[in-house]
Amino acid sequence: TISRDNAQNTVYLQMNSLKSEDTAVYYCNVAVIVRSRINDYWGQGTQV
């Protein structure tokens, strides 16, 4: 389940019933408007 907290500019991913095939590096990505231009940014990645 993906969710967000707009007040804290935070996105979450709740992962239940995990399987071995879920093993990966997980990266968040946001598409935002910065100085009137659309850009996207990547997180550093976290190992699951």
All heavy atoms as atom14 arrays in JSON, in Angstrom:
{
  "sequence": "TISRDNAQNTVYLQMNSLKSEDTAVYYCNVAVIVRSRINDYWGQGTQV",
  "atom14_mask": [
    [1, 1, 1, 1, 1, 1, 1, 0, 0, 0, 0, 0, 0, 0],
    [1, 1, 1, 1, 1, 1, 1, 1, 0, 0, 0, 0, 0, 0],
    [1, 1, 1, 1, 1, 1, 0, 0, 0, 0, 0, 0, 0, 0],
    [1, 1, 1, 1, 1, 1, 1, 1, 1, 1, 1, 0, 0, 0],
    [1, 1, 1, 1, 1, 1, 1, 1, 0, 0, 0, 0, 0, 0],
    [1, 1, 1, 1, 1, 1, 1, 1, 0, 0, 0, 0, 0, 0],
    [1, 1, 1, 1, 1, 0, 0, 0, 0, 0, 0, 0, 0, 0],
    [1, 1, 1, 1, 1, 1, 1, 1, 1, 0, 0, 0, 0, 0],
    [1, 1, 1, 1, 1, 1, 1, 1, 0, 0, 0, 0, 0, 0],
    [1, 1, 1, 1, 1, 1, 1, 0, 0, 0, 0, 0, 0, 0],
    [1, 1, 1, 1, 1, 1, 1, 0, 0, 0, 0, 0, 0, 0],
    [1, 1, 1, 1, 1, 1, 1, 1, 1, 1, 1, 1, 0, 0],
    [1, 1, 1, 1, 1, 1, 1, 1, 0, 0, 0, 0, 0, 0],
    [1, 1, 1, 1, 1, 1, 1, 1, 1, 0, 0, 0, 0, 0],
    [1, 1, 1, 1, 1, 1, 1, 1, 0, 0, 0, 0, 0, 0],
    [1, 1, 1, 1, 1, 1, 1, 1, 0, 0, 0, 0, 0, 0],
    [1, 1, 1, 1, 1, 1, 0, 0, 0, 0, 0, 0, 0, 0],
    [1, 1, 1, 1, 1, 1, 1, 1, 0, 0, 0, 0, 0, 0],
    [1, 1, 1, 1, 1, 1, 1, 1, 1, 0, 0, 0, 0, 0],
    [1, 1, 1, 1, 1, 1, 0, 0, 0, 0, 0, 0, 0, 0],
    [1, 1, 1, 1, 1, 1, 1, 1, 1, 0, 0, 0, 0, 0],
    [1, 1, 1, 1, 1, 1, 1, 1, 0, 0, 0, 0, 0, 0],
    [1, 1, 1, 1, 1, 1, 1, 0, 0, 0, 0, 0, 0, 0],
    [1, 1, 1, 1, 1, 0, 0, 0, 0, 0, 0, 0, 0, 0],
    [1, 1, 1, 1, 1, 1, 1, 0, 0, 0, 0, 0, 0, 0],
    [1, 1, 1, 1, 1, 1, 1, 1, 1, 1, 1, 1, 0, 0],
    [1, 1, 1, 1, 1, 1, 1, 1, 1, 1, 1, 1, 0, 0],
    [1, 1, 1, 1, 1, 1, 0, 0, 0, 0, 0, 0, 0, 0],
    [1, 1, 1, 1, 1, 1, 1, 1, 0, 0, 0, 0, 0, 0],
    [1, 1, 1, 1, 1, 1, 1, 0, 0, 0, 0, 0, 0, 0],
    [1, 1, 1, 1, 1, 0, 0, 0, 0, 0, 0, 0, 0, 0],
    [1, 1, 1, 1, 1, 1, 1, 0, 0, 0, 0, 0, 0, 0],
    [1, 1, 1, 1, 1, 1, 1, 1, 0, 0, 0, 0, 0, 0],
    [1, 1, 1, 1, 1, 1, 1, 0, 0, 0, 0, 0, 0, 0],
    [1, 1, 1, 1, 1, 1, 1, 1, 1, 1, 1, 0, 0, 0],
    [1, 1, 1, 1, 1, 1, 0, 0, 0, 0, 0, 0, 0, 0],
    [1, 1, 1, 1, 1, 1, 1, 1, 1, 1, 1, 0, 0, 0],
    [1, 1, 1, 1, 1, 1, 1, 1, 0, 0, 0, 0, 0, 0],
    [1, 1, 1, 1, 1, 1, 1, 1, 0, 0, 0, 0, 0, 0],
    [1, 1, 1, 1, 1, 1, 1, 1, 0, 0, 0, 0, 0, 0],
    [1, 1, 1, 1, 1, 1, 1, 1, 1, 1, 1, 1, 0, 0],
    [1, 1, 1, 1, 1, 1, 1, 1, 1, 1, 1, 1, 1, 1],
    [1, 1, 1, 1, 0, 0, 0, 0, 0, 0, 0, 0, 0, 0],
    [1, 1, 1, 1, 1, 1, 1, 1, 1, 0, 0, 0, 0, 0],
    [1, 1, 1, 1, 0, 0, 0, 0, 0, 0, 0, 0, 0, 0],
    [1, 1, 1, 1, 1, 1, 1, 0, 0, 0, 0, 0, 0, 0],
    [1, 1, 1, 1, 1, 1, 1, 1, 1, 0, 0, 0, 0, 0],
    [1, 1, 1, 1, 1, 1, 1, 0, 0, 0, 0, 0, 0, 0]
  ],
  "atom14_positions": [
    [[0.84, -1.18, 0.0], [0.0, 0.0, 0.0], [0.88, 1.24, 0.0], [1.75, 1.39, 0.86], [-0.93, 0.04, 1.22], [-1.74, -1.14, 1.26], [-1.84, 1.26, 1.15], [0.0, 0.0, 0.0], [0.0, 0.0, 0.0], [0.0, 0.0, 0.0], [0.0, 0.0, 0.0], [0.0, 0.0, 0.0], [0.0, 0.0, 0.0], [0.0, 0.0, 0.0]],
    [[0.65, 2.12, -0.96], [1.37, 3.39, -1.0], [0.47, 4.47, -0.4], [-0.74, 4.48, -0.62], [1.8, 3.76, -2.43], [2.71, 4.99, -2.42], [0.6, 3.95, -3.35], [3.37, 5.27, -3.78], [0.0, 0.0, 0.0], [0.0, 0.0, 0.0], [0.0, 0.0, 0.0], [0.0, 0.0, 0.0], [0.0, 0.0, 0.0], [0.0, 0.0, 0.0]],
    [[1.06, 5.35, 0.36], [0.32, 6.45, 0.98], [1.24, 7.65, 1.11], [2.45, 7.55, 0.88], [-0.25, 6.04, 2.34], [0.79, 5.71, 3.25], [0.0, 0.0, 0.0], [0.0, 0.0, 0.0], [0.0, 0.0, 0.0], [0.0, 0.0, 0.0], [0.0, 0.0, 0.0], [0.0, 0.0, 0.0], [0.0, 0.0, 0.0], [0.0, 0.0, 0.0]],
    [[0.67, 8.78, 1.49], [1.47, 9.98, 1.61], [1.0, 10.83, 2.77], [-0.15, 10.75, 3.21], [1.41, 10.8, 0.31], [0.02, 11.39, 0.04], [-0.05, 12.06, -1.31], [-1.36, 12.64, -1.54], [-1.79, 13.11, -2.7], [-1.0, 13.05, -3.76], [-3.0, 13.62, -2.81], [0.0, 0.0, 0.0], [0.0, 0.0, 0.0], [0.0, 0.0, 0.0]],
    [[1.91, 11.66, 3.25], [1.62, 12.66, 4.26], [2.01, 13.99, 3.64], [3.19, 14.34, 3.59], [2.4, 12.4, 5.54], [2.06, 13.37, 6.66], [1.59, 14.48, 6.37], [2.27, 13.02, 7.83], [0.0, 0.0, 0.0], [0.0, 0.0, 0.0], [0.0, 0.0, 0.0], [0.0, 0.0, 0.0], [0.0, 0.0, 0.0], [0.0, 0.0, 0.0]],
    [[1.02, 14.71, 3.16], [1.3, 15.95, 2.45], [1.98, 17.0, 3.33], [2.84, 17.75, 2.86], [0.01, 16.53, 1.87], [-0.54, 15.71, 0.73], [0.19, 15.01, 0.03], [-1.85, 15.79, 0.52], [0.0, 0.0, 0.0], [0.0, 0.0, 0.0], [0.0, 0.0, 0.0], [0.0, 0.0, 0.0], [0.0, 0.0, 0.0], [0.0, 0.0, 0.0]],
    [[1.6, 17.05, 4.6], [2.16, 18.04, 5.5], [3.66, 17.84, 5.7], [4.39, 18.8, 5.93], [1.44, 18.01, 6.84], [0.0, 0.0, 0.0], [0.0, 0.0, 0.0], [0.0, 0.0, 0.0], [0.0, 0.0, 0.0], [0.0, 0.0, 0.0], [0.0, 0.0, 0.0], [0.0, 0.0, 0.0], [0.0, 0.0, 0.0], [0.0, 0.0, 0.0]],
    [[4.12, 16.6, 5.62], [5.53, 16.29, 5.83], [6.26, 15.94, 4.54], [7.43, 15.55, 4.59], [5.68, 15.15, 6.84], [5.12, 15.48, 8.21], [5.39, 14.39, 9.23], [6.33, 13.61, 9.09], [4.57, 14.35, 10.26], [0.0, 0.0, 0.0], [0.0, 0.0, 0.0], [0.0, 0.0, 0.0], [0.0, 0.0, 0.0], [0.0, 0.0, 0.0]],
    [[5.59, 16.08, 3.4], [6.18, 15.77, 2.1], [6.82, 14.38, 2.1], [7.94, 14.2, 1.63], [7.21, 16.83, 1.71], [6.61, 18.19, 1.46], [5.45, 18.3, 1.05], [7.38, 19.24, 1.69], [0.0, 0.0, 0.0], [0.0, 0.0, 0.0], [0.0, 0.0, 0.0], [0.0, 0.0, 0.0], [0.0, 0.0, 0.0], [0.0, 0.0, 0.0]],
    [[6.08, 13.42, 2.6], [6.6, 12.08, 2.77], [5.67, 11.07, 2.11], [4.45, 11.18, 2.21], [6.76, 11.73, 4.25], [7.66, 12.68, 4.86], [7.33, 10.33, 4.43], [0.0, 0.0, 0.0], [0.0, 0.0, 0.0], [0.0, 0.0, 0.0], [0.0, 0.0, 0.0], [0.0, 0.0, 0.0], [0.0, 0.0, 0.0], [0.0, 0.0, 0.0]],
    [[6.27, 10.09, 1.43], [5.53, 8.99, 0.85], [5.96, 7.7, 1.53], [7.14, 7.54, 1.88], [5.73, 8.93, -0.68], [7.19, 8.68, -1.04], [4.82, 7.87, -1.29], [0.0, 0.0, 0.0], [0.0, 0.0, 0.0], [0.0, 0.0, 0.0], [0.0, 0.0, 0.0], [0.0, 0.0, 0.0], [0.0, 0.0, 0.0], [0.0, 0.0, 0.0]],
    [[5.02, 6.79, 1.73], [5.28, 5.54, 2.41], [4.92, 4.37, 1.51], [4.08, 4.48, 0.62], [4.45, 5.43, 3.69], [4.65, 6.56, 4.66], [3.82, 7.68, 4.65], [5.68, 6.52, 5.6], [4.0, 8.72, 5.54], [5.86, 7.56, 6.49], [5.02, 8.66, 6.46], [5.21, 9.69, 7.35], [0.0, 0.0, 0.0], [0.0, 0.0, 0.0]],
    [[5.56, 3.26, 1.76], [5.19, 2.0, 1.13], [5.1, 0.94, 2.22], [6.12, 0.52, 2.76], [6.21, 1.58, 0.07], [5.82, 0.34, -0.74], [4.6, 0.62, -1.61], [6.99, -0.14, -1.59], [0.0, 0.0, 0.0], [0.0, 0.0, 0.0], [0.0, 0.0, 0.0], [0.0, 0.0, 0.0], [0.0, 0.0, 0.0], [0.0, 0.0, 0.0]],
    [[3.87, 0.56, 2.54], [3.64, -0.52, 3.49], [3.66, -1.83, 2.73], [2.87, -2.03, 1.81], [2.3, -0.33, 4.2], [1.95, -1.43, 5.2], [2.88, -1.44, 6.38], [3.16, -0.4, 6.96], [3.36, -2.63, 6.75], [0.0, 0.0, 0.0], [0.0, 0.0, 0.0], [0.0, 0.0, 0.0], [0.0, 0.0, 0.0], [0.0, 0.0, 0.0]],
    [[4.56, -2.72, 3.11], [4.75, -3.99, 2.42], [4.4, -5.12, 3.38], [5.08, -5.32, 4.39], [6.18, -4.13, 1.91], [6.63, -2.98, 1.02], [8.28, -3.23, 0.33], [9.25, -3.14, 1.83], [0.0, 0.0, 0.0], [0.0, 0.0, 0.0], [0.0, 0.0, 0.0], [0.0, 0.0, 0.0], [0.0, 0.0, 0.0], [0.0, 0.0, 0.0]],
    [[3.35, -5.85, 3.06], [2.91, -6.98, 3.86], [3.04, -8.27, 3.05], [3.15, -8.26, 1.83], [1.45, -6.8, 4.29], [1.23, -5.59, 5.17], [2.09, -5.22, 5.96], [0.06, -4.97, 5.04], [0.0, 0.0, 0.0], [0.0, 0.0, 0.0], [0.0, 0.0, 0.0], [0.0, 0.0, 0.0], [0.0, 0.0, 0.0], [0.0, 0.0, 0.0]],
    [[3.01, -9.39, 3.76], [3.09, -10.7, 3.12], [4.26, -10.77, 2.14], [4.12, -11.22, 1.01], [1.77, -11.03, 2.41], [0.69, -11.02, 3.32], [0.0, 0.0, 0.0], [0.0, 0.0, 0.0], [0.0, 0.0, 0.0], [0.0, 0.0, 0.0], [0.0, 0.0, 0.0], [0.0, 0.0, 0.0], [0.0, 0.0, 0.0], [0.0, 0.0, 0.0]],
    [[5.41, -10.34, 2.6], [6.57, -10.26, 1.72], [7.02, -11.63, 1.25], [6.95, -12.62, 1.98], [7.72, -9.55, 2.44], [7.57, -8.03, 2.5], [8.47, -7.45, 3.59], [7.9, -7.41, 1.15], [0.0, 0.0, 0.0], [0.0, 0.0, 0.0], [0.0, 0.0, 0.0], [0.0, 0.0, 0.0], [0.0, 0.0, 0.0], [0.0, 0.0, 0.0]],
    [[7.48, -11.66, 0.0], [7.97, -12.87, -0.64], [9.43, -12.69, -1.01], [9.92, -11.57, -1.13], [7.15, -13.17, -1.91], [5.65, -13.26, -1.7], [4.94, -13.41, -3.04], [3.44, -13.49, -2.85], [2.74, -13.61, -4.16], [0.0, 0.0, 0.0], [0.0, 0.0, 0.0], [0.0, 0.0, 0.0], [0.0, 0.0, 0.0], [0.0, 0.0, 0.0]],
    [[10.12, -13.81, -1.24], [11.52, -13.73, -1.6], [11.73, -12.93, -2.89], [12.75, -12.25, -3.04], [12.12, -15.13, -1.74], [11.46, -15.87, -2.75], [0.0, 0.0, 0.0], [0.0, 0.0, 0.0], [0.0, 0.0, 0.0], [0.0, 0.0, 0.0], [0.0, 0.0, 0.0], [0.0, 0.0, 0.0], [0.0, 0.0, 0.0], [0.0, 0.0, 0.0]],
    [[10.78, -13.0, -3.8], [10.9, -12.26, -5.04], [10.75, -10.75, -4.88], [10.95, -10.0, -5.84], [9.91, -12.78, -6.1], [8.48, -12.84, -5.62], [8.09, -14.23, -5.17], [8.88, -14.88, -4.45], [6.97, -14.68, -5.54], [0.0, 0.0, 0.0], [0.0, 0.0, 0.0], [0.0, 0.0, 0.0], [0.0, 0.0, 0.0], [0.0, 0.0, 0.0]],
    [[10.37, -10.31, -3.69], [10.33, -8.88, -3.41], [11.71, -8.32, -3.07], [11.86, -7.1, -2.93], [9.37, -8.57, -2.26], [7.93, -8.92, -2.58], [7.49, -8.63, -3.71], [7.24, -9.47, -1.7], [0.0, 0.0, 0.0], [0.0, 0.0, 0.0], [0.0, 0.0, 0.0], [0.0, 0.0, 0.0], [0.0, 0.0, 0.0], [0.0, 0.0, 0.0]],
    [[12.7, -9.18, -2.91], [14.04, -8.74, -2.58], [14.59, -7.85, -3.69], [14.64, -8.23, -4.85], [14.97, -9.94, -2.37], [14.53, -10.69, -1.24], [16.4, -9.49, -2.15], [0.0, 0.0, 0.0], [0.0, 0.0, 0.0], [0.0, 0.0, 0.0], [0.0, 0.0, 0.0], [0.0, 0.0, 0.0], [0.0, 0.0, 0.0], [0.0, 0.0, 0.0]],
    [[15.01, -6.65, -3.32], [15.5, -5.67, -4.28], [15.94, -4.42, -3.53], [15.69, -4.28, -2.33], [14.42, -5.3, -5.3], [0.0, 0.0, 0.0], [0.0, 0.0, 0.0], [0.0, 0.0, 0.0], [0.0, 0.0, 0.0], [0.0, 0.0, 0.0], [0.0, 0.0, 0.0], [0.0, 0.0, 0.0], [0.0, 0.0, 0.0], [0.0, 0.0, 0.0]],
    [[16.59, -3.52, -4.25], [16.8, -2.18, -3.75], [15.59, -1.35, -4.16], [15.22, -1.33, -5.34], [18.09, -1.55, -4.29], [18.23, -0.11, -3.8], [19.3, -2.38, -3.87], [0.0, 0.0, 0.0], [0.0, 0.0, 0.0], [0.0, 0.0, 0.0], [0.0, 0.0, 0.0], [0.0, 0.0, 0.0], [0.0, 0.0, 0.0], [0.0, 0.0, 0.0]],
    [[14.99, -0.7, -3.2], [13.8, 0.1, -3.45], [14.16, 1.57, -3.49], [14.85, 2.09, -2.6], [12.74, -0.16, -2.37], [12.03, -1.48, -2.54], [12.69, -2.68, -2.32], [10.7, -1.52, -2.95], [12.05, -3.89, -2.5], [10.05, -2.73, -3.12], [10.72, -3.91, -2.9], [10.07, -5.11, -3.08], [0.0, 0.0, 0.0], [0.0, 0.0, 0.0]],
    [[13.69, 2.26, -4.51], [13.97, 3.66, -4.72], [12.67, 4.45, -4.76], [11.73, 4.06, -5.45], [14.69, 3.9, -6.05], [16.02, 3.22, -6.2], [16.11, 1.93, -6.71], [17.2, 3.87, -5.84], [17.33, 1.3, -6.86], [18.43, 3.26, -5.99], [18.48, 1.96, -6.51], [19.71, 1.35, -6.66], [0.0, 0.0, 0.0], [0.0, 0.0, 0.0]],
    [[12.62, 5.56, -4.05], [11.48, 6.44, -4.22], [11.78, 7.45, -5.31], [12.94, 7.76, -5.6], [11.08, 7.12, -2.91], [12.19, 8.41, -2.32], [0.0, 0.0, 0.0], [0.0, 0.0, 0.0], [0.0, 0.0, 0.0], [0.0, 0.0, 0.0], [0.0, 0.0, 0.0], [0.0, 0.0, 0.0], [0.0, 0.0, 0.0], [0.0, 0.0, 0.0]],
    [[10.74, 7.93, -5.93], [10.85, 8.9, -7.0], [9.7, 9.88, -6.88], [8.57, 9.48, -6.62], [10.81, 8.2, -8.36], [10.81, 9.17, -9.53], [9.75, 9.55, -10.03], [12.0, 9.57, -9.96], [0.0, 0.0, 0.0], [0.0, 0.0, 0.0], [0.0, 0.0, 0.0], [0.0, 0.0, 0.0], [0.0, 0.0, 0.0], [0.0, 0.0, 0.0]],
    [[10.01, 11.15, -7.06], [8.97, 12.16, -7.04], [9.05, 13.01, -8.3], [10.14, 13.35, -8.75], [9.04, 13.06, -5.79], [8.85, 12.24, -4.53], [10.36, 13.82, -5.72], [0.0, 0.0, 0.0], [0.0, 0.0, 0.0], [0.0, 0.0, 0.0], [0.0, 0.0, 0.0], [0.0, 0.0, 0.0], [0.0, 0.0, 0.0], [0.0, 0.0, 0.0]],
    [[7.91, 13.3, -8.86], [7.79, 14.24, -9.96], [7.22, 15.52, -9.39], [6.12, 15.52, -8.83], [6.9, 13.68, -11.06], [0.0, 0.0, 0.0], [0.0, 0.0, 0.0], [0.0, 0.0, 0.0], [0.0, 0.0, 0.0], [0.0, 0.0, 0.0], [0.0, 0.0, 0.0], [0.0, 0.0, 0.0], [0.0, 0.0, 0.0], [0.0, 0.0, 0.0]],
    [[7.97, 16.6, -9.53], [7.62, 17.86, -8.89], [7.77, 19.02, -9.85], [8.39, 18.9, -10.91], [8.49, 18.13, -7.64], [8.33, 17.01, -6.62], [9.95, 18.28, -8.04], [0.0, 0.0, 0.0], [0.0, 0.0, 0.0], [0.0, 0.0, 0.0], [0.0, 0.0, 0.0], [0.0, 0.0, 0.0], [0.0, 0.0, 0.0], [0.0, 0.0, 0.0]],
    [[7.19, 20.13, -9.47], [7.39, 21.38, -10.19], [8.36, 22.23, -9.39], [8.1, 22.57, -8.23], [6.07, 22.14, -10.42], [5.14, 21.31, -11.3], [6.34, 23.49, -11.06], [3.79, 21.96, -11.54], [0.0, 0.0, 0.0], [0.0, 0.0, 0.0], [0.0, 0.0, 0.0], [0.0, 0.0, 0.0], [0.0, 0.0, 0.0], [0.0, 0.0, 0.0]],
    [[9.5, 22.55, -10.0], [10.51, 23.39, -9.4], [10.8, 24.53, -10.36], [11.19, 24.29, -11.51], [11.81, 22.62, -9.12], [12.86, 23.55, -8.52], [11.55, 21.44, -8.19], [0.0, 0.0, 0.0], [0.0, 0.0, 0.0], [0.0, 0.0, 0.0], [0.0, 0.0, 0.0], [0.0, 0.0, 0.0], [0.0, 0.0, 0.0], [0.0, 0.0, 0.0]],
    [[10.59, 25.74, -9.91], [10.79, 26.94, -10.74], [10.03, 26.82, -12.06], [10.58, 27.04, -13.14], [12.28, 27.19, -10.98], [13.07, 27.47, -9.71], [14.53, 27.76, -9.99], [14.7, 28.97, -10.77], [15.87, 29.4, -11.24], [16.98, 28.69, -11.0], [15.94, 30.52, -11.92], [0.0, 0.0, 0.0], [0.0, 0.0, 0.0], [0.0, 0.0, 0.0]],
    [[8.8, 26.41, -11.96], [7.88, 26.31, -13.09], [8.27, 25.24, -14.11], [7.81, 25.28, -15.25], [7.74, 27.66, -13.8], [7.27, 28.66, -12.91], [0.0, 0.0, 0.0], [0.0, 0.0, 0.0], [0.0, 0.0, 0.0], [0.0, 0.0, 0.0], [0.0, 0.0, 0.0], [0.0, 0.0, 0.0], [0.0, 0.0, 0.0], [0.0, 0.0, 0.0]],
    [[9.08, 24.29, -13.69], [9.53, 23.23, -14.59], [9.32, 21.87, -13.92], [9.56, 21.72, -12.72], [11.0, 23.42, -14.95], [11.52, 22.51, -16.04], [12.93, 22.9, -16.41], [13.45, 22.12, -17.52], [14.08, 20.96, -17.4], [14.26, 20.44, -16.19], [14.53, 20.33, -18.46], [0.0, 0.0, 0.0], [0.0, 0.0, 0.0], [0.0, 0.0, 0.0]],
    [[8.88, 20.89, -14.69], [8.67, 19.55, -14.16], [10.01, 18.82, -14.1], [10.75, 18.76, -15.08], [7.69, 18.75, -15.02], [6.32, 19.45, -15.05], [7.55, 17.33, -14.49], [5.33, 18.8, -15.99], [0.0, 0.0, 0.0], [0.0, 0.0, 0.0], [0.0, 0.0, 0.0], [0.0, 0.0, 0.0], [0.0, 0.0, 0.0], [0.0, 0.0, 0.0]],
    [[10.32, 18.29, -12.94], [11.52, 17.49, -12.73], [11.17, 16.27, -11.91], [10.18, 16.27, -11.17], [12.61, 18.3, -12.01], [13.15, 19.44, -12.84], [13.99, 19.24, -13.69], [12.66, 20.64, -12.57], [0.0, 0.0, 0.0], [0.0, 0.0, 0.0], [0.0, 0.0, 0.0], [0.0, 0.0, 0.0], [0.0, 0.0, 0.0], [0.0, 0.0, 0.0]],
    [[12.0, 15.24, -12.03], [11.85, 14.11, -11.13], [13.16, 13.83, -10.43], [14.24, 14.09, -10.96], [11.31, 12.87, -11.86], [12.33, 12.22, -12.75], [12.74, 12.84, -13.75], [12.71, 11.07, -12.46], [0.0, 0.0, 0.0], [0.0, 0.0, 0.0], [0.0, 0.0, 0.0], [0.0, 0.0, 0.0], [0.0, 0.0, 0.0], [0.0, 0.0, 0.0]],
    [[13.05, 13.31, -9.22], [14.21, 13.08, -8.36], [14.13, 11.69, -7.75], [13.04, 11.17, -7.52], [14.27, 14.13, -7.25], [14.43, 15.54, -7.77], [13.32, 16.3, -8.11], [15.69, 16.1, -7.94], [13.47, 17.59, -8.6], [15.84, 17.39, -8.43], [14.72, 18.13, -8.77], [14.87, 19.4, -9.25], [0.0, 0.0, 0.0], [0.0, 0.0, 0.0]],
    [[15.29, 11.13, -7.49], [15.4, 9.78, -6.96], [16.0, 9.78, -5.56], [16.9, 10.56, -5.25], [16.3, 8.91, -7.85], [15.7, 8.62, -9.19], [15.88, 9.32, -10.33], [14.83, 7.54, -9.51], [15.18, 8.74, -11.36], [14.53, 7.65, -10.88], [14.29, 6.48, -8.77], [13.7, 6.74, -11.54], [13.46, 5.58, -9.41], [13.18, 5.71, -10.78]],
    [[15.49, 8.9, -4.73], [16.1, 8.65, -3.44], [17.35, 7.8, -3.6], [17.67, 7.31, -4.69], [0.0, 0.0, 0.0], [0.0, 0.0, 0.0], [0.0, 0.0, 0.0], [0.0, 0.0, 0.0], [0.0, 0.0, 0.0], [0.0, 0.0, 0.0], [0.0, 0.0, 0.0], [0.0, 0.0, 0.0], [0.0, 0.0, 0.0], [0.0, 0.0, 0.0]],
    [[18.07, 7.61, -2.49], [19.34, 6.9, -2.55], [19.19, 5.39, -2.65], [20.16, 4.69, -2.97], [20.19, 7.25, -1.32], [19.83, 6.49, -0.04], [18.64, 7.06, 0.71], [17.95, 7.95, 0.23], [18.42, 6.54, 1.92], [0.0, 0.0, 0.0], [0.0, 0.0, 0.0], [0.0, 0.0, 0.0], [0.0, 0.0, 0.0], [0.0, 0.0, 0.0]],
    [[18.01, 4.89, -2.39], [17.76, 3.46, -2.41], [17.9, 2.84, -1.04], [18.75, 3.24, -0.25], [0.0, 0.0, 0.0], [0.0, 0.0, 0.0], [0.0, 0.0, 0.0], [0.0, 0.0, 0.0], [0.0, 0.0, 0.0], [0.0, 0.0, 0.0], [0.0, 0.0, 0.0], [0.0, 0.0, 0.0], [0.0, 0.0, 0.0], [0.0, 0.0, 0.0]],
    [[17.06, 1.87, -0.75], [17.14, 1.13, 0.5], [16.94, -0.35, 0.2], [16.05, -0.73, -0.56], [16.11, 1.65, 1.52], [16.29, 0.97, 2.77], [14.68, 1.45, 1.05], [0.0, 0.0, 0.0], [0.0, 0.0, 0.0], [0.0, 0.0, 0.0], [0.0, 0.0, 0.0], [0.0, 0.0, 0.0], [0.0, 0.0, 0.0], [0.0, 0.0, 0.0]],
    [[17.79, -1.18, 0.78], [17.78, -2.61, 0.5], [16.67, -3.3, 1.28], [16.55, -3.13, 2.5], [19.12, -3.24, 0.86], [19.18, -4.76, 0.67], [19.17, -5.16, -0.79], [19.93, -4.62, -1.59], [18.31, -6.12, -1.13], [0.0, 0.0, 0.0], [0.0, 0.0, 0.0], [0.0, 0.0, 0.0], [0.0, 0.0, 0.0], [0.0, 0.0, 0.0]],
    [[15.89, -4.1, 0.58], [14.9, -4.98, 1.19], [15.27, -6.4, 0.84], [15.37, -6.75, -0.34], [13.47, -4.67, 0.7], [12.49, -5.72, 1.2], [13.05, -3.28, 1.15], [0.0, 0.0, 0.0], [0.0, 0.0, 0.0], [0.0, 0.0, 0.0], [0.0, 0.0, 0.0], [0.0, 0.0, 0.0], [0.0, 0.0, 0.0], [0.0, 0.0, 0.0]]
  ]
}
